[in-house]
Amino acid sequence: MTDGFLQLKIEGPRGTVAQAQIKGNLAKMRASWLPDTFKAFGDYVRQVVLNRNFASEGTYLGGRWQSIDPEYRAWKIRVFGSQANFIGRRSLALRHAMTMANPKPFTRAGPPGRTIRAVPILDYDARSVTIGAKVYENGNEYAEHFDASRPVFGEGKMPQEIEIEGGKLLSLPYLSSTHTDEFGKPSYDNNAFPSKQVTNFLSVRALRAAAS
């Protein structure tokens, strides 16, 4: 299974202040909103961050993926078409399993005579979110094999872009739905999780990342 843990770490002159603000906003948020907030962050990592990493063949998260044999590359292109010229896009099953919105298990044709079965993973609660995928080709696990030499979650280097976007997203539900009352305490405008604002934030970035 390919799964991963991304820790939001904000560095720089105001890094400590920004990180404290995010933690503070999460702490003050309605407890019932935390699962949806962590799910939104998981969706962001899946649909935006990992799509960017697949599009860059690993460079976005810290290191270009190991190259492939020229003969194998030629076979991939002949069987799967021009998109297979890129690493990680042979049948697109792994990329789709790792990045698709509304993840659900799916099956598709693989190389001649083979079938690919993929099970996307998006588990979340009020404390954390876990993302990843299980991908099998004719019953043989493929995602771990790919990840061993081409880390889907990168080499531990997080671009500042993720720190900024991720921080905004984690604070968005609280900031978009509250104001401070006369006693300096947060007052919520309504009881519903602000899904529209979160969806708008994600959709623009996800569309750009998927198109690359």
Foldseek 3Di string as FASTA:
>chain_A
DAKDDDDQFADDPCRVVLVVVLVVLLVQDDLVCQQVLQLLLLLLCQLFVLLLCQVQCRVQQPDHFDDDDPVVLVVLCVQQNDQSVGPCVSVCQQSCLRRPPPHAWDKDDHGPPKIKTKHWDWDTDNPHIMTHMFMDINNHTDPVVRCVRRNSNHDNHHDNVCSVLSSCSSNVQSVVFWDADPVRGTDGPDDDRPVVVSCVSRPVSSVVSNVD
